[in-house]
Amino acid sequence: MATLNTKLLLNTSADIPAVGFGTLQDKDAQEDVVTEALKAGYRHIDTARIYGTKPTVGNTIKKSGIPRSEIFITTKLWKNSYHPDDVAPALDDATLKDLDTEYLDLCLMH
């Protein structure tokens, strides 16, 4: 049974926490719920542009005091960004800026 400390090895040699915390909840509750998730030991945070939670999630991660290198951030491209010419702008301009981070750990097609 996976716990919050369980990690899986990817073929890239990176580790991914087996249990993640999704951020689709009420936008107004994001700071509190992400803070509590991080306090409880979650280190895999999942978000997407369509959720509208990225700026709050990014600020909450920064305020947590937990080094970014210890938090695995997953996000998703929305269906209007699947074309190869649209991927980089969607990630650089929107996602990295909104999350206030220099890199993502995993990006999925939503």
N, C-alpha and C. Protein backbone atom coordinates (compact mmCIF):
# COMPACT_ATOMS: atom_id res chain seq x y z
N MET A 1 0.84 -1.18 0.00
CA MET A 1 0.00 0.00 0.00
C MET A 1 0.88 1.24 0.00
N ALA A 2 0.59 2.17 -0.90
CA ALA A 2 1.38 3.40 -1.01
C ALA A 2 1.09 4.34 0.16
N THR A 3 2.14 4.97 0.64
CA THR A 3 2.00 5.99 1.68
C THR A 3 2.48 7.32 1.10
N LEU A 4 2.37 8.37 1.87
CA LEU A 4 2.84 9.68 1.41
C LEU A 4 4.35 9.68 1.15
N ASN A 5 5.07 8.74 1.76
CA ASN A 5 6.52 8.67 1.57
C ASN A 5 6.92 7.75 0.42
N THR A 6 5.98 7.00 -0.13
CA THR A 6 6.29 6.07 -1.22
C THR A 6 6.61 6.85 -2.49
N LYS A 7 7.73 6.48 -3.12
CA LYS A 7 8.11 7.10 -4.39
C LYS A 7 8.30 6.00 -5.43
N LEU A 8 8.03 6.35 -6.66
CA LEU A 8 8.21 5.43 -7.78
C LEU A 8 9.31 5.97 -8.67
N LEU A 9 10.13 5.08 -9.20
CA LEU A 9 11.23 5.48 -10.07
C LEU A 9 10.74 5.52 -11.51
N LEU A 10 10.90 6.67 -12.15
CA LEU A 10 10.54 6.82 -13.56
C LEU A 10 11.72 6.39 -14.44
N ASN A 11 11.45 6.15 -15.71
CA ASN A 11 12.54 5.74 -16.61
C ASN A 11 13.55 6.86 -16.86
N THR A 12 13.26 8.06 -16.39
CA THR A 12 14.20 9.19 -16.49
C THR A 12 15.15 9.24 -15.30
N SER A 13 14.99 8.30 -14.38
CA SER A 13 15.73 8.24 -13.11
C SER A 13 15.20 9.21 -12.07
N ALA A 14 14.14 9.93 -12.38
CA ALA A 14 13.50 10.81 -11.40
C ALA A 14 12.53 9.99 -10.55
N ASP A 15 12.32 10.45 -9.35
CA ASP A 15 11.33 9.84 -8.46
C ASP A 15 10.06 10.65 -8.49
N ILE A 16 8.91 9.98 -8.45
CA ILE A 16 7.62 10.65 -8.35
C ILE A 16 6.91 10.12 -7.12
N PRO A 17 6.45 11.00 -6.25
CA PRO A 17 5.68 10.52 -5.10
C PRO A 17 4.44 9.76 -5.60
N ALA A 18 4.19 8.60 -5.03
CA ALA A 18 3.09 7.74 -5.47
C ALA A 18 1.72 8.32 -5.17
N VAL A 19 1.64 9.16 -4.15
CA VAL A 19 0.36 9.75 -3.75
C VAL A 19 0.45 11.26 -3.95
N GLY A 20 -0.51 11.80 -4.67
CA GLY A 20 -0.51 13.23 -4.93
C GLY A 20 -1.75 13.91 -4.38
N PHE A 21 -1.67 15.23 -4.29
CA PHE A 21 -2.79 16.04 -3.81
C PHE A 21 -3.31 16.88 -4.95
N GLY A 22 -4.57 16.69 -5.32
CA GLY A 22 -5.19 17.44 -6.39
C GLY A 22 -5.74 18.76 -5.90
N THR A 23 -5.74 19.76 -6.76
CA THR A 23 -6.13 21.12 -6.36
C THR A 23 -7.36 21.62 -7.10
N LEU A 24 -8.32 20.77 -7.35
CA LEU A 24 -9.53 21.17 -8.05
C LEU A 24 -10.58 21.76 -7.11
N GLN A 25 -10.29 21.83 -5.85
CA GLN A 25 -11.25 22.33 -4.87
C GLN A 25 -11.58 23.80 -5.09
N ASP A 26 -12.44 24.30 -4.25
CA ASP A 26 -12.84 25.71 -4.22
C ASP A 26 -11.61 26.61 -4.24
N LYS A 27 -11.56 27.54 -5.21
CA LYS A 27 -10.41 28.44 -5.35
C LYS A 27 -10.12 29.19 -4.06
N ASP A 28 -11.16 29.59 -3.35
CA ASP A 28 -10.97 30.37 -2.12
C ASP A 28 -10.38 29.54 -0.98
N ALA A 29 -10.44 28.23 -1.10
CA ALA A 29 -9.93 27.36 -0.04
C ALA A 29 -8.52 26.87 -0.32
N GLN A 30 -7.96 27.18 -1.48
CA GLN A 30 -6.69 26.60 -1.90
C GLN A 30 -5.54 26.83 -0.94
N GLU A 31 -5.38 28.03 -0.45
CA GLU A 31 -4.23 28.27 0.42
C GLU A 31 -4.30 27.38 1.65
N ASP A 32 -5.45 27.32 2.28
CA ASP A 32 -5.59 26.49 3.48
C ASP A 32 -5.41 25.01 3.19
N VAL A 33 -6.04 24.50 2.12
CA VAL A 33 -5.96 23.06 1.88
C VAL A 33 -4.58 22.62 1.41
N VAL A 34 -3.92 23.43 0.59
CA VAL A 34 -2.56 23.07 0.17
C VAL A 34 -1.60 23.18 1.35
N THR A 35 -1.77 24.18 2.19
CA THR A 35 -0.94 24.29 3.40
C THR A 35 -1.09 23.05 4.26
N GLU A 36 -2.32 22.62 4.49
CA GLU A 36 -2.56 21.43 5.31
C GLU A 36 -2.03 20.17 4.65
N ALA A 37 -2.16 20.07 3.32
CA ALA A 37 -1.63 18.90 2.61
C ALA A 37 -0.11 18.82 2.78
N LEU A 38 0.57 19.95 2.61
CA LEU A 38 2.02 19.97 2.78
C LEU A 38 2.41 19.64 4.22
N LYS A 39 1.68 20.16 5.19
CA LYS A 39 1.95 19.84 6.61
C LYS A 39 1.76 18.35 6.88
N ALA A 40 0.78 17.75 6.19
CA ALA A 40 0.48 16.32 6.38
C ALA A 40 1.52 15.42 5.71
N GLY A 41 2.36 16.00 4.85
CA GLY A 41 3.41 15.22 4.22
C GLY A 41 3.29 15.03 2.72
N TYR A 42 2.24 15.56 2.12
CA TYR A 42 2.13 15.47 0.66
C TYR A 42 3.29 16.24 0.03
N ARG A 43 3.90 15.63 -0.98
CA ARG A 43 4.98 16.30 -1.71
C ARG A 43 4.75 16.24 -3.22
N HIS A 44 3.56 15.79 -3.61
CA HIS A 44 3.17 15.76 -5.03
C HIS A 44 1.89 16.58 -5.13
N ILE A 45 1.98 17.72 -5.80
CA ILE A 45 0.84 18.62 -5.95
C ILE A 45 0.44 18.65 -7.43
N ASP A 46 -0.85 18.41 -7.68
CA ASP A 46 -1.38 18.34 -9.03
C ASP A 46 -2.31 19.53 -9.29
N THR A 47 -2.10 20.20 -10.41
CA THR A 47 -2.93 21.34 -10.76
C THR A 47 -3.12 21.39 -12.27
N ALA A 48 -3.94 22.32 -12.71
CA ALA A 48 -4.18 22.54 -14.15
C ALA A 48 -4.75 23.94 -14.33
N ARG A 49 -4.48 24.52 -15.48
CA ARG A 49 -4.97 25.88 -15.75
C ARG A 49 -6.49 25.97 -15.58
N ILE A 50 -7.20 24.96 -16.05
CA ILE A 50 -8.66 24.99 -16.01
C ILE A 50 -9.18 25.05 -14.56
N TYR A 51 -8.38 24.61 -13.60
CA TYR A 51 -8.81 24.66 -12.20
C TYR A 51 -8.81 26.08 -11.65
N GLY A 52 -7.97 26.95 -12.23
CA GLY A 52 -7.90 28.32 -11.76
C GLY A 52 -7.20 28.49 -10.42
N THR A 53 -6.36 27.53 -10.07
CA THR A 53 -5.75 27.53 -8.74
C THR A 53 -4.23 27.76 -8.74
N LYS A 54 -3.63 27.86 -9.91
CA LYS A 54 -2.16 27.90 -9.97
C LYS A 54 -1.51 29.04 -9.19
N PRO A 55 -1.97 30.28 -9.31
CA PRO A 55 -1.30 31.35 -8.56
C PRO A 55 -1.34 31.11 -7.04
N THR A 56 -2.46 30.68 -6.54
CA THR A 56 -2.57 30.43 -5.09
C THR A 56 -1.72 29.23 -4.69
N VAL A 57 -1.74 28.19 -5.49
CA VAL A 57 -0.92 27.00 -5.20
C VAL A 57 0.55 27.38 -5.19
N GLY A 58 1.00 28.14 -6.19
CA GLY A 58 2.40 28.57 -6.24
C GLY A 58 2.80 29.40 -5.04
N ASN A 59 1.96 30.35 -4.66
CA ASN A 59 2.26 31.19 -3.49
C ASN A 59 2.29 30.36 -2.21
N THR A 60 1.39 29.41 -2.11
CA THR A 60 1.33 28.58 -0.90
C THR A 60 2.57 27.70 -0.79
N ILE A 61 3.02 27.14 -1.90
CA ILE A 61 4.24 26.34 -1.88
C ILE A 61 5.42 27.20 -1.44
N LYS A 62 5.53 28.41 -1.98
CA LYS A 62 6.62 29.32 -1.59
C LYS A 62 6.57 29.63 -0.08
N LYS A 63 5.38 29.92 0.42
CA LYS A 63 5.21 30.28 1.82
C LYS A 63 5.44 29.10 2.76
N SER A 64 5.37 27.88 2.25
CA SER A 64 5.48 26.70 3.11
C SER A 64 6.86 26.54 3.73
N GLY A 65 7.88 27.09 3.06
CA GLY A 65 9.24 26.92 3.56
C GLY A 65 9.87 25.60 3.14
N ILE A 66 9.12 24.77 2.43
CA ILE A 66 9.64 23.50 1.94
C ILE A 66 10.39 23.80 0.64
N PRO A 67 11.63 23.32 0.52
CA PRO A 67 12.37 23.59 -0.71
C PRO A 67 11.62 23.08 -1.94
N ARG A 68 11.65 23.84 -3.01
CA ARG A 68 10.98 23.45 -4.25
C ARG A 68 11.45 22.09 -4.72
N SER A 69 12.71 21.78 -4.51
CA SER A 69 13.27 20.50 -4.95
C SER A 69 12.62 19.30 -4.24
N GLU A 70 11.94 19.54 -3.16
CA GLU A 70 11.27 18.46 -2.42
C GLU A 70 9.79 18.31 -2.78
N ILE A 71 9.30 19.20 -3.65
CA ILE A 71 7.89 19.15 -4.05
C ILE A 71 7.81 18.83 -5.54
N PHE A 72 7.03 17.82 -5.88
CA PHE A 72 6.83 17.37 -7.25
C PHE A 72 5.55 18.03 -7.75
N ILE A 73 5.68 18.88 -8.77
CA ILE A 73 4.51 19.59 -9.30
C ILE A 73 4.11 19.00 -10.65
N THR A 74 2.87 18.56 -10.72
CA THR A 74 2.28 18.08 -11.97
C THR A 74 1.27 19.10 -12.43
N THR A 75 1.26 19.37 -13.73
CA THR A 75 0.24 20.23 -14.31
C THR A 75 -0.21 19.62 -15.63
N LYS A 76 -1.16 20.27 -16.26
CA LYS A 76 -1.72 19.75 -17.49
C LYS A 76 -1.88 20.85 -18.54
N LEU A 77 -1.67 20.45 -19.78
CA LEU A 77 -1.96 21.34 -20.90
C LEU A 77 -3.44 21.21 -21.23
N TRP A 78 -4.09 22.32 -21.45
CA TRP A 78 -5.49 22.29 -21.86
C TRP A 78 -5.54 21.98 -23.35
N LYS A 79 -6.67 21.51 -23.81
CA LYS A 79 -6.80 21.02 -25.19
C LYS A 79 -6.50 22.06 -26.27
N ASN A 80 -6.53 23.33 -25.94
CA ASN A 80 -6.20 24.35 -26.94
C ASN A 80 -4.69 24.59 -27.05
N SER A 81 -3.89 23.81 -26.32
CA SER A 81 -2.43 24.00 -26.34
C SER A 81 -1.69 22.74 -26.78
N TYR A 82 -2.35 21.83 -27.46
CA TYR A 82 -1.70 20.58 -27.87
C TYR A 82 -0.79 20.72 -29.08
N HIS A 83 -1.03 21.71 -29.91
CA HIS A 83 -0.19 21.88 -31.10
C HIS A 83 1.24 22.19 -30.64
N PRO A 84 2.25 21.60 -31.29
CA PRO A 84 3.63 21.83 -30.87
C PRO A 84 4.02 23.30 -30.72
N ASP A 85 3.47 24.16 -31.56
CA ASP A 85 3.79 25.59 -31.47
C ASP A 85 3.18 26.26 -30.24
N ASP A 86 2.18 25.62 -29.64
CA ASP A 86 1.47 26.21 -28.51
C ASP A 86 1.96 25.72 -27.15
N VAL A 87 2.74 24.64 -27.14
CA VAL A 87 3.14 24.03 -25.86
C VAL A 87 4.05 24.95 -25.05
N ALA A 88 5.15 25.40 -25.65
CA ALA A 88 6.10 26.24 -24.90
C ALA A 88 5.45 27.51 -24.36
N PRO A 89 4.69 28.26 -25.16
CA PRO A 89 4.05 29.46 -24.60
C PRO A 89 3.07 29.12 -23.47
N ALA A 90 2.35 28.04 -23.62
CA ALA A 90 1.39 27.67 -22.57
C ALA A 90 2.11 27.34 -21.27
N LEU A 91 3.24 26.68 -21.37
CA LEU A 91 3.99 26.32 -20.16
C LEU A 91 4.79 27.49 -19.62
N ASP A 92 5.55 28.16 -20.48
CA ASP A 92 6.40 29.25 -20.02
C ASP A 92 5.61 30.44 -19.53
N ASP A 93 4.73 30.95 -20.37
CA ASP A 93 4.03 32.18 -20.05
C ASP A 93 2.95 31.98 -19.00
N ALA A 94 2.23 30.91 -19.12
CA ALA A 94 1.09 30.73 -18.23
C ALA A 94 1.46 29.93 -16.99
N THR A 95 1.88 28.72 -17.16
CA THR A 95 2.08 27.82 -16.03
C THR A 95 3.22 28.22 -15.11
N LEU A 96 4.41 28.40 -15.66
CA LEU A 96 5.56 28.73 -14.81
C LEU A 96 5.37 30.07 -14.12
N LYS A 97 4.81 31.01 -14.83
CA LYS A 97 4.55 32.34 -14.23
C LYS A 97 3.51 32.23 -13.12
N ASP A 98 2.40 31.55 -13.42
CA ASP A 98 1.34 31.43 -12.41
C ASP A 98 1.79 30.67 -11.17
N LEU A 99 2.58 29.61 -11.36
CA LEU A 99 3.05 28.83 -10.22
C LEU A 99 4.29 29.45 -9.57
N ASP A 100 4.86 30.46 -10.21
CA ASP A 100 6.07 31.14 -9.71
C ASP A 100 7.18 30.13 -9.43
N THR A 101 7.42 29.29 -10.44
CA THR A 101 8.48 28.29 -10.33
C THR A 101 9.28 28.29 -11.63
N GLU A 102 10.49 27.80 -11.56
CA GLU A 102 11.35 27.77 -12.74
C GLU A 102 11.18 26.50 -13.56
N TYR A 103 10.57 25.48 -12.96
CA TYR A 103 10.43 24.21 -13.69
C TYR A 103 9.21 23.45 -13.19
N LEU A 104 8.78 22.51 -14.02
CA LEU A 104 7.72 21.57 -13.68
C LEU A 104 8.32 20.19 -13.61
N ASP A 105 7.72 19.33 -12.85
CA ASP A 105 8.21 17.96 -12.77
C ASP A 105 7.49 17.04 -13.76
N LEU A 106 6.22 17.33 -14.04
CA LEU A 106 5.45 16.51 -14.97
C LEU A 106 4.37 17.37 -15.60
N CYS A 107 4.22 17.21 -16.91
CA CYS A 107 3.16 17.91 -17.62
C CYS A 107 2.37 16.87 -18.42
N LEU A 108 1.08 16.87 -18.23
CA LEU A 108 0.19 15.92 -18.91
C LEU A 108 -0.70 16.66 -19.88
N MET A 109 -1.25 15.94 -20.83
CA MET A 109 -2.27 16.51 -21.72
C MET A 109 -3.63 16.25 -21.07
N HIS A 110 -4.39 17.29 -20.81
CA HIS A 110 -5.65 17.17 -20.09
C HIS A 110 -6.77 16.82 -21.04
